[in-house]
Amino acid sequence: MQIEFVARDFRIDETFRGFASGKLKKLEKFLHEPIAAHVVLEVEKHRHRAEIQVHHRHGNLQATEETEDMQGSLNLVVDKLEKQARRSSKKFQTTRRRAARREVEQIWAHSTVKASGDEADSVPRVVAARRLQVKPMTVDEAVLKLESSGSEFLVFRESEGQTISVLYRKTDGDYGLIAPES
């Protein structure tokens, strides 16, 4: 972690620098490298103001606090930054998990079967897969639904026999029906 200190009307000694560095080390468990911190310490009359900006791989964090003593201001600022870092880390993890879940869903939705070696040209591959809702309807209702949908086929459950059937559009404009033998 790179820490840059700027002091205005305040003298930073090595003990205070070590104290501030130790406090900022708490952020490393939430943020990923590289981390750069810019610490501004300022004194105006009786107000001690601490402002810290932290730049990390996934964004920036910034907080300001003002109290009667500099250590108190630094403690409060680091607490604010720790909350922000925790939120940022959790947000990043959930978006990564969502993205991974979406990838898995896409893999299942568009599964491909790969052949190995010389068989790659001769073995057909499944390049797309869809999930269909199979609704109970008559053949006439299925024809009307197929005409309105613009799709090439329709899978439905026949209402009188409860068998799964496929209605498809032929090249001559008529319809074909595939039904299992009973």
Foldseek 3Di string as FASTA:
>chain_A
DAEAEAEEPDDDDPVNVVVLVVLLVLLPVLAPDDKYKYWYWYDDDQKTKIKMWIQGDPGIDIDIAIDRDNVVRSNVRSVVRSVVSNVVSVVVVVVVVVVVVVVVVVCVQQPWDADDDPCRVVDDIRGGHDDDDAEEDAPVVLVVVCVVPVDQKDWYQHNPPRFIKMWGADPVGDIDIGTDDD
